[in-house]
């Protein structure tokens, strides 16, 4: 089963690389969609401890980019 994780990660990373390198319409959209699908499948097939680490990492990124309170006036 760990080979599935590596295969999905390889597909997702290569799709994201193609997504960043091309500016044509169809390969741009297909690479983005296939990369997103591979990341979602990889997350769904991952062990619960890896899923927890991914969620905590995303939560930390959210806290880093979004401040606690924004004073408007």
PDB file of N, CA and C in Angstrom:
ATOM      1  N   UNK A   1       0.799  -1.200   0.000  1.00  0.00           N
ATOM      2  CA  UNK A   1       0.000   0.000   0.000  1.00  0.00           C
ATOM      3  C   UNK A   1       0.847   1.274   0.000  1.00  0.00           C
ATOM      4  N   UNK A   2       2.011   1.333   0.627  1.00  0.00           N
ATOM      5  CA  UNK A   2       2.798   2.567   0.587  1.00  0.00           C
ATOM      6  C   UNK A   2       3.209   2.981  -0.825  1.00  0.00           C
ATOM      7  N   UNK A   3       3.276   2.031  -1.763  1.00  0.00           N
ATOM      8  CA  UNK A   3       3.625   2.416  -3.130  1.00  0.00           C
ATOM      9  C   UNK A   3       2.521   3.269  -3.754  1.00  0.00           C
ATOM     10  N   UNK A   4       1.279   3.079  -3.325  1.00  0.00           N
ATOM     11  CA  UNK A   4       0.173   3.896  -3.833  1.00  0.00           C
ATOM     12  C   UNK A   4       0.366   5.341  -3.403  1.00  0.00           C
ATOM     13  N   UNK A   5       0.783   5.557  -2.156  1.00  0.00           N
ATOM     14  CA  UNK A   5       1.013   6.918  -1.672  1.00  0.00           C
ATOM     15  C   UNK A   5       2.100   7.599  -2.490  1.00  0.00           C
ATOM     16  N   UNK A   6       3.187   6.881  -2.731  1.00  0.00           N
ATOM     17  CA  UNK A   6       4.289   7.459  -3.502  1.00  0.00           C
ATOM     18  C   UNK A   6       3.880   7.733  -4.946  1.00  0.00           C
ATOM     19  N   UNK A   7       3.101   6.844  -5.521  1.00  0.00           N
ATOM     20  CA  UNK A   7       2.648   7.041  -6.898  1.00  0.00           C
ATOM     21  C   UNK A   7       1.725   8.259  -6.997  1.00  0.00           C
ATOM     22  N   UNK A   8       0.780   8.389  -6.074  1.00  0.00           N
ATOM     23  CA  UNK A   8      -0.113   9.541  -6.085  1.00  0.00           C
ATOM     24  C   UNK A   8       0.648  10.838  -5.824  1.00  0.00           C
ATOM     25  N   UNK A   9       1.623  10.787  -4.929  1.00  0.00           N
ATOM     26  CA  UNK A   9       2.432  11.972  -4.662  1.00  0.00           C
ATOM     27  C   UNK A   9       3.251  12.365  -5.886  1.00  0.00           C
ATOM     28  N   UNK A  10       3.802  11.376  -6.572  1.00  0.00           N
ATOM     29  CA  UNK A  10       4.577  11.650  -7.790  1.00  0.00           C
ATOM     30  C   UNK A  10       3.685  12.249  -8.869  1.00  0.00           C
ATOM     31  N   UNK A  11       2.499  11.678  -9.065  1.00  0.00           N
ATOM     32  CA  UNK A  11       1.570  12.224 -10.049  1.00  0.00           C
ATOM     33  C   UNK A  11       1.150  13.645  -9.686  1.00  0.00           C
ATOM     34  N   UNK A  12       0.862  13.878  -8.418  1.00  0.00           N
ATOM     35  CA  UNK A  12       0.423  15.206  -7.994  1.00  0.00           C
ATOM     36  C   UNK A  12       1.535  16.236  -8.178  1.00  0.00           C
ATOM     37  N   UNK A  13       2.762  15.887  -7.776  1.00  0.00           N
ATOM     38  CA  UNK A  13       3.868  16.838  -7.913  1.00  0.00           C
ATOM     39  C   UNK A  13       4.205  17.113  -9.374  1.00  0.00           C
ATOM     40  N   UNK A  14       4.163  16.075 -10.209  1.00  0.00           N
ATOM     41  CA  UNK A  14       4.447  16.301 -11.629  1.00  0.00           C
ATOM     42  C   UNK A  14       3.331  17.113 -12.281  1.00  0.00           C
ATOM     43  N   UNK A  15       2.096  16.906 -11.884  1.00  0.00           N
ATOM     44  CA  UNK A  15       0.997  17.707 -12.416  1.00  0.00           C
ATOM     45  C   UNK A  15       1.109  19.158 -11.984  1.00  0.00           C
ATOM     46  N   UNK A  16       1.495  19.380 -10.751  1.00  0.00           N
ATOM     47  CA  UNK A  16       1.675  20.752 -10.276  1.00  0.00           C
ATOM     48  C   UNK A  16       2.838  21.412 -10.992  1.00  0.00           C
ATOM     49  N   UNK A  17       3.886  20.653 -11.274  1.00  0.00           N
ATOM     50  CA  UNK A  17       5.019  21.215 -12.031  1.00  0.00           C
ATOM     51  C   UNK A  17       4.589  21.614 -13.439  1.00  0.00           C
ATOM     52  N   UNK A  18       3.819  20.755 -14.108  1.00  0.00           N
ATOM     53  CA  UNK A  18       3.307  21.087 -15.444  1.00  0.00           C
ATOM     54  C   UNK A  18       2.384  22.299 -15.362  1.00  0.00           C
ATOM     55  N   UNK A  19       1.587  22.365 -14.313  1.00  0.00           N
ATOM     56  CA  UNK A  19       0.674  23.488 -14.100  1.00  0.00           C
ATOM     57  C   UNK A  19       1.434  24.809 -13.998  1.00  0.00           C
ATOM     58  N   UNK A  20       2.578  24.801 -13.330  1.00  0.00           N
ATOM     59  CA  UNK A  20       3.346  26.035 -13.185  1.00  0.00           C
ATOM     60  C   UNK A  20       4.177  26.362 -14.415  1.00  0.00           C
ATOM     61  N   UNK A  21       4.489  25.377 -15.259  1.00  0.00           N
ATOM     62  CA  UNK A  21       5.365  25.602 -16.402  1.00  0.00           C
ATOM     63  C   UNK A  21       4.635  25.962 -17.688  1.00  0.00           C
ATOM     64  N   UNK A  22       3.358  25.691 -17.791  1.00  0.00           N
ATOM     65  CA  UNK A  22       2.650  25.911 -19.044  1.00  0.00           C
ATOM     66  C   UNK A  22       1.689  27.087 -18.927  1.00  0.00           C
ATOM     67  N   UNK A  23       1.401  27.686 -20.068  1.00  0.00           N
ATOM     68  CA  UNK A  23       0.413  28.758 -20.094  1.00  0.00           C
ATOM     69  C   UNK A  23      -0.696  28.456 -21.100  1.00  0.00           C
ATOM     70  N   UNK A  24      -0.646  27.301 -21.748  1.00  0.00           N
ATOM     71  CA  UNK A  24      -1.710  26.896 -22.659  1.00  0.00           C
ATOM     72  C   UNK A  24      -2.949  26.535 -21.859  1.00  0.00           C
ATOM     73  N   UNK A  25      -4.109  26.739 -22.457  1.00  0.00           N
ATOM     74  CA  UNK A  25      -5.355  26.579 -21.713  1.00  0.00           C
ATOM     75  C   UNK A  25      -5.633  25.148 -21.276  1.00  0.00           C
ATOM     76  N   UNK A  26      -5.655  24.215 -22.208  1.00  0.00           N
ATOM     77  CA  UNK A  26      -6.062  22.848 -21.884  1.00  0.00           C
ATOM     78  C   UNK A  26      -5.055  22.141 -20.977  1.00  0.00           C
ATOM     79  N   UNK A  27      -3.728  22.146 -21.265  1.00  0.00           N
ATOM     80  CA  UNK A  27      -2.798  21.497 -20.329  1.00  0.00           C
ATOM     81  C   UNK A  27      -2.782  22.167 -18.951  1.00  0.00           C
ATOM     82  N   UNK A  28      -2.998  23.465 -18.913  1.00  0.00           N
ATOM     83  CA  UNK A  28      -3.032  24.204 -17.652  1.00  0.00           C
ATOM     84  C   UNK A  28      -4.161  23.702 -16.765  1.00  0.00           C
ATOM     85  N   UNK A  29      -5.350  23.588 -17.328  1.00  0.00           N
ATOM     86  CA  UNK A  29      -6.515  23.136 -16.563  1.00  0.00           C
ATOM     87  C   UNK A  29      -6.396  21.652 -16.210  1.00  0.00           C
ATOM     88  N   UNK A  30      -5.990  20.830 -17.179  1.00  0.00           N
ATOM     89  CA  UNK A  30      -5.873  19.387 -16.916  1.00  0.00           C
ATOM     90  C   UNK A  30      -4.821  19.090 -15.852  1.00  0.00           C
ATOM     91  N   UNK A  31      -3.704  19.796 -15.894  1.00  0.00           N
ATOM     92  CA  UNK A  31      -2.661  19.568 -14.892  1.00  0.00           C
ATOM     93  C   UNK A  31      -3.145  19.989 -13.512  1.00  0.00           C
ATOM     94  N   UNK A  32      -3.829  21.100 -13.414  1.00  0.00           N
ATOM     95  CA  UNK A  32      -4.349  21.541 -12.121  1.00  0.00           C
ATOM     96  C   UNK A  32      -5.379  20.595 -11.548  1.00  0.00           C
ATOM     97  N   UNK A  33      -6.283  20.140 -12.384  1.00  0.00           N
ATOM     98  CA  UNK A  33      -7.336  19.224 -11.921  1.00  0.00           C
ATOM     99  C   UNK A  33      -6.753  17.867 -11.532  1.00  0.00           C
ATOM    100  N   UNK A  34      -5.853  17.332 -12.367  1.00  0.00           N
ATOM    101  CA  UNK A  34      -5.278  16.021 -12.033  1.00  0.00           C
ATOM    102  C   UNK A  34      -4.400  16.104 -10.783  1.00  0.00           C
ATOM    103  N   UNK A  35      -3.686  17.192 -10.600  1.00  0.00           N
ATOM    104  CA  UNK A  35      -2.907  17.360  -9.369  1.00  0.00           C
ATOM    105  C   UNK A  35      -3.786  17.434  -8.143  1.00  0.00           C
ATOM    106  N   UNK A  36      -4.902  18.152  -8.243  1.00  0.00           N
ATOM    107  CA  UNK A  36      -5.828  18.248  -7.122  1.00  0.00           C
ATOM    108  C   UNK A  36      -6.468  16.906  -6.803  1.00  0.00           C
ATOM    109  N   UNK A  37      -6.859  16.169  -7.836  1.00  0.00           N
ATOM    110  CA  UNK A  37      -7.475  14.854  -7.632  1.00  0.00           C
ATOM    111  C   UNK A  37      -6.480  13.888  -6.979  1.00  0.00           C
ATOM    112  N   UNK A  38      -5.233  13.900  -7.440  1.00  0.00           N
ATOM    113  CA  UNK A  38      -4.224  13.009  -6.850  1.00  0.00           C
ATOM    114  C   UNK A  38      -3.943  13.365  -5.395  1.00  0.00           C
ATOM    115  N   UNK A  39      -3.930  14.656  -5.067  1.00  0.00           N
ATOM    116  CA  UNK A  39      -3.728  15.047  -3.672  1.00  0.00           C
ATOM    117  C   UNK A  39      -4.901  14.615  -2.798  1.00  0.00           C
ATOM    118  N   UNK A  40      -6.119  14.742  -3.305  1.00  0.00           N
ATOM    119  CA  UNK A  40      -7.297  14.325  -2.527  1.00  0.00           C
ATOM    120  C   UNK A  40      -7.301  12.809  -2.334  1.00  0.00           C
ATOM    121  N   UNK A  41      -7.018  12.050  -3.398  1.00  0.00           N
ATOM    122  CA  UNK A  41      -6.955  10.594  -3.266  1.00  0.00           C
ATOM    123  C   UNK A  41      -5.837  10.173  -2.315  1.00  0.00           C
ATOM    124  N   UNK A  42      -4.704  10.826  -2.411  1.00  0.00           N
ATOM    125  CA  UNK A  42      -3.602  10.518  -1.512  1.00  0.00           C
ATOM    126  C   UNK A  42      -3.968  10.780  -0.060  1.00  0.00           C
ATOM    127  N   UNK A  43      -4.701  11.866   0.164  1.00  0.00           N
ATOM    128  CA  UNK A  43      -5.153  12.165   1.524  1.00  0.00           C
ATOM    129  C   UNK A  43      -6.158  11.130   2.003  1.00  0.00           C
ATOM    130  N   UNK A  44      -7.051  10.706   1.126  1.00  0.00           N
ATOM    131  CA  UNK A  44      -8.078   9.739   1.509  1.00  0.00           C
ATOM    132  C   UNK A  44      -7.476   8.361   1.811  1.00  0.00           C
ATOM    133  N   UNK A  45      -6.427   7.969   1.080  1.00  0.00           N
ATOM    134  CA  UNK A  45      -5.812   6.656   1.279  1.00  0.00           C
ATOM    135  C   UNK A  45      -4.759   6.641   2.382  1.00  0.00           C
ATOM    136  N   UNK A  46      -4.362   7.805   2.857  1.00  0.00           N
ATOM    137  CA  UNK A  46      -3.283   7.874   3.840  1.00  0.00           C
ATOM    138  C   UNK A  46      -3.746   7.345   5.205  1.00  0.00           C
ATOM    139  N   UNK A  47      -2.784   6.972   6.011  1.00  0.00           N
ATOM    140  CA  UNK A  47      -3.034   6.512   7.374  1.00  0.00           C
ATOM    141  C   UNK A  47      -3.572   7.686   8.194  1.00  0.00           C
ATOM    142  N   UNK A  48      -4.324   7.405   9.248  1.00  0.00           N
ATOM    143  CA  UNK A  48      -4.949   8.472  10.017  1.00  0.00           C
ATOM    144  C   UNK A  48      -3.926   9.402  10.655  1.00  0.00           C
ATOM    145  N   UNK A  49      -2.755   8.895  11.027  1.00  0.00           N
ATOM    146  CA  UNK A  49      -1.749   9.760  11.647  1.00  0.00           C
ATOM    147  C   UNK A  49      -1.177  10.744  10.627  1.00  0.00           C
ATOM    148  N   UNK A  50      -1.026  10.299   9.386  1.00  0.00           N
ATOM    149  CA  UNK A  50      -0.558  11.189   8.333  1.00  0.00           C
ATOM    150  C   UNK A  50      -1.636  12.216   8.004  1.00  0.00           C
ATOM    151  N   UNK A  51      -2.888  11.803   8.007  1.00  0.00           N
ATOM    152  CA  UNK A  51      -3.984  12.735   7.781  1.00  0.00           C
ATOM    153  C   UNK A  51      -4.010  13.814   8.863  1.00  0.00           C
ATOM    154  N   UNK A  52      -3.777  13.406  10.099  1.00  0.00           N
ATOM    155  CA  UNK A  52      -3.745  14.360  11.204  1.00  0.00           C
ATOM    156  C   UNK A  52      -2.608  15.360  11.028  1.00  0.00           C
ATOM    157  N   UNK A  53      -1.433  14.891  10.614  1.00  0.00           N
ATOM    158  CA  UNK A  53      -0.317  15.795  10.372  1.00  0.00           C
ATOM    159  C   UNK A  53      -0.610  16.773   9.233  1.00  0.00           C
ATOM    160  N   UNK A  54      -1.262  16.306   8.191  1.00  0.00           N
ATOM    161  CA  UNK A  54      -1.614  17.179   7.073  1.00  0.00           C
ATOM    162  C   UNK A  54      -2.609  18.243   7.523  1.00  0.00           C
ATOM    163  N   UNK A  55      -3.613  17.844   8.280  1.00  0.00           N
ATOM    164  CA  UNK A  55      -4.614  18.808   8.753  1.00  0.00           C
ATOM    165  C   UNK A  55      -3.974  19.828   9.687  1.00  0.00           C
ATOM    166  N   UNK A  56      -3.097  19.383  10.578  1.00  0.00           N
ATOM    167  CA  UNK A  56      -2.420  20.322  11.472  1.00  0.00           C
ATOM    168  C   UNK A  56      -1.520  21.281  10.697  1.00  0.00           C
ATOM    169  N   UNK A  57      -0.851  20.782   9.668  1.00  0.00           N
ATOM    170  CA  UNK A  57      -0.016  21.645   8.838  1.00  0.00           C
ATOM    171  C   UNK A  57      -0.837  22.688   8.102  1.00  0.00           C
ATOM    172  N   UNK A  58      -1.990  22.279   7.559  1.00  0.00           N
ATOM    173  CA  UNK A  58      -2.868  23.235   6.893  1.00  0.00           C
ATOM    174  C   UNK A  58      -3.429  24.252   7.870  1.00  0.00           C
ATOM    175  N   UNK A  59      -3.742  23.819   9.071  1.00  0.00           N
ATOM    176  CA  UNK A  59      -4.243  24.730  10.086  1.00  0.00           C
ATOM    177  C   UNK A  59      -3.186  25.760  10.471  1.00  0.00           C
ATOM    178  N   UNK A  60      -1.926  25.315  10.579  1.00  0.00           N
ATOM    179  CA  UNK A  60      -0.835  26.242  10.890  1.00  0.00           C
ATOM    180  C   UNK A  60      -0.650  27.262   9.764  1.00  0.00           C
ATOM    181  N   UNK A  61      -0.743  26.799   8.509  1.00  0.00           N
ATOM    182  CA  UNK A  61      -0.649  27.733   7.379  1.00  0.00           C
ATOM    183  C   UNK A  61      -1.791  28.742   7.414  1.00  0.00           C
ATOM    184  N   UNK A  62      -2.985  28.295   7.753  1.00  0.00           N
ATOM    185  CA  UNK A  62      -4.128  29.192   7.846  1.00  0.00           C
ATOM    186  C   UNK A  62      -3.892  30.239   8.934  1.00  0.00           C
ATOM    187  N   UNK A  63      -3.399  29.810  10.094  1.00  0.00           N
ATOM    188  CA  UNK A  63      -3.132  30.740  11.185  1.00  0.00           C
ATOM    189  C   UNK A  63      -2.014  31.709  10.820  1.00  0.00           C
ATOM    190  N   UNK A  64      -1.049  31.264  10.021  1.00  0.00           N
ATOM    191  CA  UNK A  64       0.061  32.119   9.622  1.00  0.00           C
ATOM    192  C   UNK A  64      -0.403  33.206   8.654  1.00  0.00           C
ATOM    193  N   UNK A  65      -1.266  32.861   7.723  1.00  0.00           N
ATOM    194  CA  UNK A  65      -1.700  33.803   6.700  1.00  0.00           C
ATOM    195  C   UNK A  65      -2.909  34.636   7.110  1.00  0.00           C
ATOM    196  N   UNK A  66      -3.704  34.156   8.066  1.00  0.00           N
ATOM    197  CA  UNK A  66      -4.876  34.898   8.506  1.00  0.00           C
ATOM    198  C   UNK A  66      -4.677  35.365   9.942  1.00  0.00           C
ATOM    199  N   UNK A  67      -4.667  36.664  10.176  1.00  0.00           N
ATOM    200  CA  UNK A  67      -4.485  37.159  11.553  1.00  0.00           C
ATOM    201  C   UNK A  67      -5.709  36.861  12.413  1.00  0.00           C
ATOM    202  N   UNK A  68      -5.524  36.912  13.720  1.00  0.00           N
ATOM    203  CA  UNK A  68      -6.602  36.630  14.665  1.00  0.00           C
ATOM    204  C   UNK A  68      -7.750  37.609  14.490  1.00  0.00           C
ATOM    205  N   UNK A  69      -7.432  38.904  14.547  1.00  0.00           N
ATOM    206  CA  UNK A  69      -8.454  39.927  14.414  1.00  0.00           C
ATOM    207  C   UNK A  69      -7.936  41.008  13.489  1.00  0.00           C
ATOM    208  N   UNK A  70      -8.816  41.528  12.701  1.00  0.00           N
ATOM    209  CA  UNK A  70      -8.469  42.636  11.820  1.00  0.00           C
ATOM    210  C   UNK A  70      -9.239  43.858  12.313  1.00  0.00           C
ATOM    211  N   UNK A  71      -8.497  44.873  12.763  1.00  0.00           N
ATOM    212  CA  UNK A  71      -9.134  46.103  13.224  1.00  0.00           C
ATOM    213  C   UNK A  71      -9.498  46.969  12.018  1.00  0.00           C
ATOM    214  N   UNK A  72     -10.762  47.289  11.898  1.00  0.00           N
ATOM    215  CA  UNK A  72     -11.222  48.078  10.767  1.00  0.00           C
ATOM    216  C   UNK A  72     -11.340  49.558  11.089  1.00  0.00           C
ATOM    217  N   UNK A  73     -11.280  49.899  12.338  1.00  0.00           N
ATOM    218  CA  UNK A  73     -11.409  51.329  12.620  1.00  0.00           C
ATOM    219  C   UNK A  73     -11.325  51.714  14.029  1.00  0.00           C
TER     220      UNK A  73
END
